[in-house]
Amino acid sequence: MSLNEHSLQALSWRKLYLSRAKLKATSRTSALLSGFAMVAMVEAQLEEDCEYPPGLLIAFSACTTVLVAVHLFALMISTCILPNLEAVSNVHNLNSIKESPHEQMHLYIELAWAFSTVIGTLLFLAEVVLICWVKFLPLKNKSKIHPNETDSDVSPGEAAAITSTVIMVPFALVFIVFAVHFYRSLVSHKTDRQFQVLEALSNITRLQNELDHRGEATSMQPSSVHFA
């Protein structure tokens, strides 16, 4: 095996391990967040005497459904591809990397990673805010039955929901900024790494060509025969 082939195989194995780690993280995260969303939907008890805004109920239902669908889609991709990567990575043979589908399925792996870590997490943050509104909004009607001494237009339930929204919005913005910065840094790192790999392969190729030329020059030199 030449040095170029050895370097390419090492790069392929590195990509295989990275893809396997991404699918494992996607599987754990998607299973956890989708399960939480389903429990939140089932356990959410709506008060019959409370007039919920139609937009709130529609947003809560749509956010929960999309959240579960996104994470289940990412979970399906990881469940289908991960066993094939595990089977190849557990074989201690350098040539078995050719049997791995991580190169052909690279787009699906990145899609599952993005769905689970970016889109799914943003939907989960929105789900927390909507749950707070659904949970605390019934206190608005109860405060009318038992009014406080202060004539405030904001009920305790609305205050609690607004507080959760105000707290969650900055965290969502920080998450978006971090995701964009992390993605740009990762792309820059991959680009620099690719240039380094190409430069190393170019140096290896040049060195190998020099050795081949020296070997040909040595073989073409006439051998001298000495007689006693």
C-alpha atoms as a PDB file:
ATOM      1  CA  MET A   1       0.000   0.000   0.000  1.00  0.00           C
ATOM      2  CA  SER A   2       1.378   3.412  -0.995  1.00  0.00           C
ATOM      3  CA  LEU A   3       1.574   6.387   1.323  1.00  0.00           C
ATOM      4  CA  ASN A   4      -1.238   8.157  -0.532  1.00  0.00           C
ATOM      5  CA  GLU A   5      -3.613   5.240  -0.106  1.00  0.00           C
ATOM      6  CA  HIS A   6      -2.702   4.967   3.571  1.00  0.00           C
ATOM      7  CA  SER A   7      -3.449   8.673   4.138  1.00  0.00           C
ATOM      8  CA  LEU A   8      -6.773   8.434   2.312  1.00  0.00           C
ATOM      9  CA  GLN A   9      -7.768   5.410   4.367  1.00  0.00           C
ATOM     10  CA  ALA A  10      -6.908   7.228   7.605  1.00  0.00           C
ATOM     11  CA  LEU A  11      -9.071  10.157   6.476  1.00  0.00           C
ATOM     12  CA  SER A  12     -11.941   7.802   5.633  1.00  0.00           C
ATOM     13  CA  TRP A  13     -11.740   6.132   9.037  1.00  0.00           C
ATOM     14  CA  ARG A  14     -11.784   9.560  10.716  1.00  0.00           C
ATOM     15  CA  LYS A  15     -14.941  10.471   8.779  1.00  0.00           C
ATOM     16  CA  LEU A  16     -16.500   7.144   9.745  1.00  0.00           C
ATOM     17  CA  TYR A  17     -15.917   7.704  13.469  1.00  0.00           C
ATOM     18  CA  LEU A  18     -17.227  11.266  13.231  1.00  0.00           C
ATOM     19  CA  SER A  19     -20.381  10.125  11.425  1.00  0.00           C
ATOM     20  CA  ARG A  20     -20.945   7.388  13.992  1.00  0.00           C
ATOM     21  CA  ALA A  21     -20.560   9.849  16.879  1.00  0.00           C
ATOM     22  CA  LYS A  22     -23.022  12.258  15.242  1.00  0.00           C
ATOM     23  CA  LEU A  23     -25.622   9.528  14.763  1.00  0.00           C
ATOM     24  CA  LYS A  24     -25.234   8.352  18.367  1.00  0.00           C
ATOM     25  CA  ALA A  25     -25.718  11.887  19.691  1.00  0.00           C
ATOM     26  CA  THR A  26     -28.674  12.392  17.349  1.00  0.00           C
ATOM     27  CA  SER A  27     -30.300   9.174  18.527  1.00  0.00           C
ATOM     28  CA  ARG A  28     -30.002  10.049  22.217  1.00  0.00           C
ATOM     29  CA  THR A  29     -31.090  13.673  21.832  1.00  0.00           C
ATOM     30  CA  SER A  30     -34.037  12.949  19.552  1.00  0.00           C
ATOM     31  CA  ALA A  31     -35.358  10.140  21.732  1.00  0.00           C
ATOM     32  CA  LEU A  32     -35.159  12.324  24.848  1.00  0.00           C
ATOM     33  CA  LEU A  33     -36.741  15.489  23.428  1.00  0.00           C
ATOM     34  CA  SER A  34     -39.473  13.751  21.442  1.00  0.00           C
ATOM     35  CA  GLY A  35     -40.423  11.735  24.526  1.00  0.00           C
ATOM     36  CA  PHE A  36     -40.600  14.891  26.607  1.00  0.00           C
ATOM     37  CA  ALA A  37     -42.810  16.582  23.993  1.00  0.00           C
ATOM     38  CA  MET A  38     -45.222  13.653  23.964  1.00  0.00           C
ATOM     39  CA  VAL A  39     -45.418  13.600  27.761  1.00  0.00           C
ATOM     40  CA  ALA A  40     -46.023  17.357  27.790  1.00  0.00           C
ATOM     41  CA  MET A  41     -48.859  16.967  25.290  1.00  0.00           C
ATOM     42  CA  VAL A  42     -50.497  14.138  27.230  1.00  0.00           C
ATOM     43  CA  GLU A  43     -50.035  15.628  30.687  1.00  0.00           C
ATOM     44  CA  ALA A  44     -51.177  19.136  29.744  1.00  0.00           C
ATOM     45  CA  GLN A  45     -54.580  19.507  31.431  1.00  0.00           C
ATOM     46  CA  LEU A  46     -56.698  22.262  29.931  1.00  0.00           C
ATOM     47  CA  GLU A  47     -59.122  24.039  32.245  1.00  0.00           C
ATOM     48  CA  GLU A  48     -62.720  23.895  31.011  1.00  0.00           C
ATOM     49  CA  ASP A  49     -63.631  27.245  32.528  1.00  0.00           C
ATOM     50  CA  CYS A  50     -60.691  29.048  30.946  1.00  0.00           C
ATOM     51  CA  GLU A  51     -61.029  30.751  27.583  1.00  0.00           C
ATOM     52  CA  TYR A  52     -57.730  29.974  25.906  1.00  0.00           C
ATOM     53  CA  PRO A  53     -56.792  32.075  22.887  1.00  0.00           C
ATOM     54  CA  PRO A  54     -57.228  29.945  19.744  1.00  0.00           C
ATOM     55  CA  GLY A  55     -53.800  30.963  18.505  1.00  0.00           C
ATOM     56  CA  LEU A  56     -52.166  29.646  21.684  1.00  0.00           C
ATOM     57  CA  LEU A  57     -53.774  26.211  21.380  1.00  0.00           C
ATOM     58  CA  ILE A  58     -52.964  26.007  17.667  1.00  0.00           C
ATOM     59  CA  ALA A  59     -49.354  27.051  18.285  1.00  0.00           C
ATOM     60  CA  PHE A  60     -48.984  24.527  21.119  1.00  0.00           C
ATOM     61  CA  SER A  61     -50.430  21.696  19.045  1.00  0.00           C
ATOM     62  CA  ALA A  62     -48.437  22.576  15.921  1.00  0.00           C
ATOM     63  CA  CYS A  63     -45.155  23.058  17.806  1.00  0.00           C
ATOM     64  CA  THR A  64     -45.522  19.737  19.616  1.00  0.00           C
ATOM     65  CA  THR A  65     -46.403  17.865  16.425  1.00  0.00           C
ATOM     66  CA  VAL A  66     -43.558  19.369  14.398  1.00  0.00           C
ATOM     67  CA  LEU A  67     -41.133  18.807  17.278  1.00  0.00           C
ATOM     68  CA  VAL A  68     -42.003  15.126  17.512  1.00  0.00           C
ATOM     69  CA  ALA A  69     -41.955  14.697  13.718  1.00  0.00           C
ATOM     70  CA  VAL A  70     -38.551  16.351  13.333  1.00  0.00           C
ATOM     71  CA  HIS A  71     -36.946  14.302  16.090  1.00  0.00           C
ATOM     72  CA  LEU A  72     -38.533  11.058  14.930  1.00  0.00           C
ATOM     73  CA  PHE A  73     -37.249  11.706  11.412  1.00  0.00           C
ATOM     74  CA  ALA A  74     -33.740  12.260  12.765  1.00  0.00           C
ATOM     75  CA  LEU A  75     -34.131   9.169  14.963  1.00  0.00           C
ATOM     76  CA  MET A  76     -35.225   7.090  11.959  1.00  0.00           C
ATOM     77  CA  ILE A  77     -32.150   8.141   9.965  1.00  0.00           C
ATOM     78  CA  SER A  78     -29.792   7.337  12.834  1.00  0.00           C
ATOM     79  CA  THR A  79     -31.523   4.006  13.476  1.00  0.00           C
ATOM     80  CA  CYS A  80     -31.200   2.966   9.838  1.00  0.00           C
ATOM     81  CA  ILE A  81     -27.601   4.068   9.221  1.00  0.00           C
ATOM     82  CA  LEU A  82     -25.918   3.589  12.606  1.00  0.00           C
ATOM     83  CA  PRO A  83     -25.949  -0.270  12.632  1.00  0.00           C
ATOM     84  CA  ASN A  84     -24.080  -0.333   9.310  1.00  0.00           C
ATOM     85  CA  LEU A  85     -21.408   2.011  10.631  1.00  0.00           C
ATOM     86  CA  GLU A  86     -21.119   0.028  13.859  1.00  0.00           C
ATOM     87  CA  ALA A  87     -20.670  -3.204  11.907  1.00  0.00           C
ATOM     88  CA  VAL A  88     -17.815  -1.736   9.856  1.00  0.00           C
ATOM     89  CA  SER A  89     -16.099   0.054  12.748  1.00  0.00           C
ATOM     90  CA  ASN A  90     -16.044  -3.133  14.845  1.00  0.00           C
ATOM     91  CA  VAL A  91     -14.149  -5.037  12.141  1.00  0.00           C
ATOM     92  CA  HIS A  92     -10.402  -4.640  12.678  1.00  0.00           C
ATOM     93  CA  ASN A  93      -9.529  -4.566   9.019  1.00  0.00           C
ATOM     94  CA  LEU A  94      -8.320  -1.501   7.162  1.00  0.00           C
ATOM     95  CA  ASN A  95      -9.949  -2.554   3.900  1.00  0.00           C
ATOM     96  CA  SER A  96     -13.395  -2.817   5.528  1.00  0.00           C
ATOM     97  CA  ILE A  97     -13.753   0.970   5.272  1.00  0.00           C
ATOM     98  CA  LYS A  98     -14.820   0.444   1.648  1.00  0.00           C
ATOM     99  CA  GLU A  99     -17.961  -1.342   2.881  1.00  0.00           C
ATOM    100  CA  SER A 100     -19.107   1.590   5.011  1.00  0.00           C
ATOM    101  CA  PRO A 101     -21.986   3.706   3.634  1.00  0.00           C
ATOM    102  CA  HIS A 102     -20.982   6.879   5.484  1.00  0.00           C
ATOM    103  CA  GLU A 103     -19.703   8.547   2.304  1.00  0.00           C
ATOM    104  CA  GLN A 104     -22.857   7.820   0.291  1.00  0.00           C
ATOM    105  CA  MET A 105     -25.134   8.676   3.241  1.00  0.00           C
ATOM    106  CA  HIS A 106     -23.219  11.805   4.266  1.00  0.00           C
ATOM    107  CA  LEU A 107     -26.102  14.108   3.319  1.00  0.00           C
ATOM    108  CA  TYR A 108     -28.598  12.136   5.426  1.00  0.00           C
ATOM    109  CA  ILE A 109     -26.239  12.073   8.401  1.00  0.00           C
ATOM    110  CA  GLU A 110     -25.777  15.847   8.298  1.00  0.00           C
ATOM    111  CA  LEU A 111     -29.541  16.302   7.843  1.00  0.00           C
ATOM    112  CA  ALA A 112     -30.296  14.193  10.920  1.00  0.00           C
ATOM    113  CA  TRP A 113     -27.631  16.091  12.890  1.00  0.00           C
ATOM    114  CA  ALA A 114     -29.122  19.464  11.898  1.00  0.00           C
ATOM    115  CA  PHE A 115     -32.689  18.358  12.627  1.00  0.00           C
ATOM    116  CA  SER A 116     -31.807  17.041  16.070  1.00  0.00           C
ATOM    117  CA  THR A 117     -29.402  19.709  17.320  1.00  0.00           C
ATOM    118  CA  VAL A 118     -30.566  22.905  15.603  1.00  0.00           C
ATOM    119  CA  ILE A 119     -34.189  22.751  14.477  1.00  0.00           C
ATOM    120  CA  GLY A 120     -35.272  20.327  17.174  1.00  0.00           C
ATOM    121  CA  THR A 121     -33.651  22.331  19.970  1.00  0.00           C
ATOM    122  CA  LEU A 122     -35.227  25.602  18.801  1.00  0.00           C
ATOM    123  CA  LEU A 123     -38.631  23.913  18.678  1.00  0.00           C
ATOM    124  CA  PHE A 124     -38.010  22.545  22.162  1.00  0.00           C
ATOM    125  CA  LEU A 125     -37.327  26.061  23.490  1.00  0.00           C
ATOM    126  CA  ALA A 126     -40.576  27.258  21.898  1.00  0.00           C
ATOM    127  CA  GLU A 127     -42.359  24.256  23.406  1.00  0.00           C
ATOM    128  CA  VAL A 128     -41.244  25.250  26.914  1.00  0.00           C
ATOM    129  CA  VAL A 129     -42.639  28.759  26.451  1.00  0.00           C
ATOM    130  CA  LEU A 130     -45.961  27.476  25.120  1.00  0.00           C
ATOM    131  CA  ILE A 131     -46.289  25.004  27.984  1.00  0.00           C
ATOM    132  CA  CYS A 132     -45.812  27.845  30.465  1.00  0.00           C
ATOM    133  CA  TRP A 133     -48.585  29.850  28.799  1.00  0.00           C
ATOM    134  CA  VAL A 134     -50.970  26.879  28.707  1.00  0.00           C
ATOM    135  CA  LYS A 135     -50.190  26.006  32.326  1.00  0.00           C
ATOM    136  CA  PHE A 136     -50.349  29.463  33.909  1.00  0.00           C
ATOM    137  CA  LEU A 137     -52.966  31.218  31.791  1.00  0.00           C
ATOM    138  CA  PRO A 138     -55.959  29.676  33.699  1.00  0.00           C
ATOM    139  CA  LEU A 139     -54.865  31.672  36.744  1.00  0.00           C
ATOM    140  CA  LYS A 140     -56.145  34.741  34.915  1.00  0.00           C
ATOM    141  CA  ASN A 141     -59.777  33.673  35.367  1.00  0.00           C
ATOM    142  CA  LYS A 142     -59.227  32.581  38.951  1.00  0.00           C
ATOM    143  CA  SER A 143     -57.772  35.963  39.808  1.00  0.00           C
ATOM    144  CA  LYS A 144     -61.015  37.544  38.643  1.00  0.00           C
ATOM    145  CA  ILE A 145     -62.959  35.388  41.071  1.00  0.00           C
ATOM    146  CA  HIS A 146     -60.582  36.177  43.939  1.00  0.00           C
ATOM    147  CA  PRO A 147     -59.223  39.657  43.131  1.00  0.00           C
ATOM    148  CA  ASN A 148     -56.190  40.973  44.913  1.00  0.00           C
ATOM    149  CA  GLU A 149     -56.028  44.223  46.739  1.00  0.00           C
ATOM    150  CA  THR A 150     -54.007  45.840  43.949  1.00  0.00           C
ATOM    151  CA  ASP A 151     -55.775  46.828  40.752  1.00  0.00           C
ATOM    152  CA  SER A 152     -53.273  45.330  38.350  1.00  0.00           C
ATOM    153  CA  ASP A 153     -54.182  44.487  34.759  1.00  0.00           C
ATOM    154  CA  VAL A 154     -51.716  41.576  34.727  1.00  0.00           C
ATOM    155  CA  SER A 155     -52.791  38.441  36.569  1.00  0.00           C
ATOM    156  CA  PRO A 156     -50.303  36.181  38.368  1.00  0.00           C
ATOM    157  CA  GLY A 157     -50.700  33.571  35.619  1.00  0.00           C
ATOM    158  CA  GLU A 158     -49.946  36.052  32.868  1.00  0.00           C
ATOM    159  CA  ALA A 159     -46.985  37.408  34.870  1.00  0.00           C
ATOM    160  CA  ALA A 160     -45.540  33.903  35.215  1.00  0.00           C
ATOM    161  CA  ALA A 161     -45.981  33.180  31.490  1.00  0.00           C
ATOM    162  CA  ILE A 162     -44.497  36.523  30.487  1.00  0.00           C
ATOM    163  CA  THR A 163     -41.556  35.936  32.805  1.00  0.00           C
ATOM    164  CA  SER A 164     -40.808  32.560  31.242  1.00  0.00           C
ATOM    165  CA  THR A 165     -41.019  34.103  27.766  1.00  0.00           C
ATOM    166  CA  VAL A 166     -38.707  36.971  28.685  1.00  0.00           C
ATOM    167  CA  ILE A 167     -36.184  34.522  30.145  1.00  0.00           C
ATOM    168  CA  MET A 168     -36.327  32.134  27.192  1.00  0.00           C
ATOM    169  CA  VAL A 169     -35.983  34.692  24.376  1.00  0.00           C
ATOM    170  CA  PRO A 170     -32.387  35.741  25.267  1.00  0.00           C
ATOM    171  CA  PHE A 171     -31.404  32.083  25.614  1.00  0.00           C
ATOM    172  CA  ALA A 172     -32.857  31.372  22.170  1.00  0.00           C
ATOM    173  CA  LEU A 173     -30.909  34.280  20.689  1.00  0.00           C
ATOM    174  CA  VAL A 174     -27.701  33.116  22.372  1.00  0.00           C
ATOM    175  CA  PHE A 175     -28.340  29.610  21.058  1.00  0.00           C
ATOM    176  CA  ILE A 176     -28.797  30.888  17.494  1.00  0.00           C
ATOM    177  CA  VAL A 177     -25.643  33.023  17.683  1.00  0.00           C
ATOM    178  CA  PHE A 178     -23.662  30.113  19.106  1.00  0.00           C
ATOM    179  CA  ALA A 179     -24.994  27.723  16.438  1.00  0.00           C
ATOM    180  CA  VAL A 180     -24.027  30.114  13.622  1.00  0.00           C
ATOM    181  CA  HIS A 181     -20.600  30.790  15.135  1.00  0.00           C
ATOM    182  CA  PHE A 182     -19.979  27.105  15.774  1.00  0.00           C
ATOM    183  CA  TYR A 183     -21.011  26.165  12.233  1.00  0.00           C
ATOM    184  CA  ARG A 184     -18.763  28.819  10.687  1.00  0.00           C
ATOM    185  CA  SER A 185     -15.842  27.779  12.888  1.00  0.00           C
ATOM    186  CA  LEU A 186     -16.423  24.135  12.017  1.00  0.00           C
ATOM    187  CA  VAL A 187     -16.537  24.884   8.291  1.00  0.00           C
ATOM    188  CA  SER A 188     -13.358  26.945   8.580  1.00  0.00           C
ATOM    189  CA  HIS A 189     -11.651  24.140  10.508  1.00  0.00           C
ATOM    190  CA  LYS A 190     -12.704  21.559   7.914  1.00  0.00           C
ATOM    191  CA  THR A 191     -11.477  23.777   5.085  1.00  0.00           C
ATOM    192  CA  ASP A 192      -8.090  24.291   6.751  1.00  0.00           C
ATOM    193  CA  ARG A 193      -7.885  20.592   7.478  1.00  0.00           C
ATOM    194  CA  GLN A 194      -8.617  19.716   3.846  1.00  0.00           C
ATOM    195  CA  PHE A 195      -5.888  22.091   2.674  1.00  0.00           C
ATOM    196  CA  GLN A 196      -3.462  20.484   5.110  1.00  0.00           C
ATOM    197  CA  VAL A 197      -4.394  17.004   3.904  1.00  0.00           C
ATOM    198  CA  LEU A 198      -4.019  18.043   0.252  1.00  0.00           C
ATOM    199  CA  GLU A 199      -0.651  19.639   0.974  1.00  0.00           C
ATOM    200  CA  ALA A 200       0.501  16.517   2.833  1.00  0.00           C
ATOM    201  CA  LEU A 201      -0.640  14.304  -0.048  1.00  0.00           C
ATOM    202  CA  SER A 202       1.165  16.578  -2.508  1.00  0.00           C
ATOM    203  CA  ASN A 203       4.378  16.342  -0.488  1.00  0.00           C
ATOM    204  CA  ILE A 204       4.039  12.568  -0.248  1.00  0.00           C
ATOM    205  CA  THR A 205       3.453  12.312  -4.002  1.00  0.00           C
ATOM    206  CA  ARG A 206       6.462  14.501  -4.762  1.00  0.00           C
ATOM    207  CA  LEU A 207       8.653  12.495  -2.392  1.00  0.00           C
ATOM    208  CA  GLN A 208       7.482   9.232  -3.903  1.00  0.00           C
ATOM    209  CA  ASN A 209       8.173  10.506  -7.425  1.00  0.00           C
ATOM    210  CA  GLU A 210      11.669  11.574  -6.403  1.00  0.00           C
ATOM    211  CA  LEU A 211      12.336   8.130  -4.954  1.00  0.00           C
ATOM    212  CA  ASP A 212      11.038   6.471  -8.118  1.00  0.00           C
ATOM    213  CA  HIS A 213      13.265   8.669 -10.306  1.00  0.00           C
ATOM    214  CA  ARG A 214      16.267   7.885  -8.159  1.00  0.00           C
ATOM    215  CA  GLY A 215      15.493   4.184  -8.361  1.00  0.00           C
ATOM    216  CA  GLU A 216      15.206   4.341 -12.154  1.00  0.00           C
ATOM    217  CA  ALA A 217      18.449   6.308 -12.434  1.00  0.00           C
ATOM    218  CA  THR A 218      20.257   3.776 -10.259  1.00  0.00           C
ATOM    219  CA  SER A 219      18.958   0.825 -12.275  1.00  0.00           C
ATOM    220  CA  MET A 220      20.018   2.453 -15.571  1.00  0.00           C
ATOM    221  CA  GLN A 221      23.670   2.885 -14.510  1.00  0.00           C
ATOM    222  CA  PRO A 222      25.966   0.274 -16.176  1.00  0.00           C
ATOM    223  CA  SER A 223      27.435  -2.231 -13.804  1.00  0.00           C
ATOM    224  CA  SER A 224      31.236  -2.563 -13.928  1.00  0.00           C
ATOM    225  CA  VAL A 225      32.735  -6.066 -14.082  1.00  0.00           C
ATOM    226  CA  HIS A 226      36.159  -6.575 -12.559  1.00  0.00           C
ATOM    227  CA  PHE A 227      38.348  -9.500 -13.616  1.00  0.00           C
ATOM    228  CA  ALA A 228      41.050 -10.819 -11.451  1.00  0.00           C
END
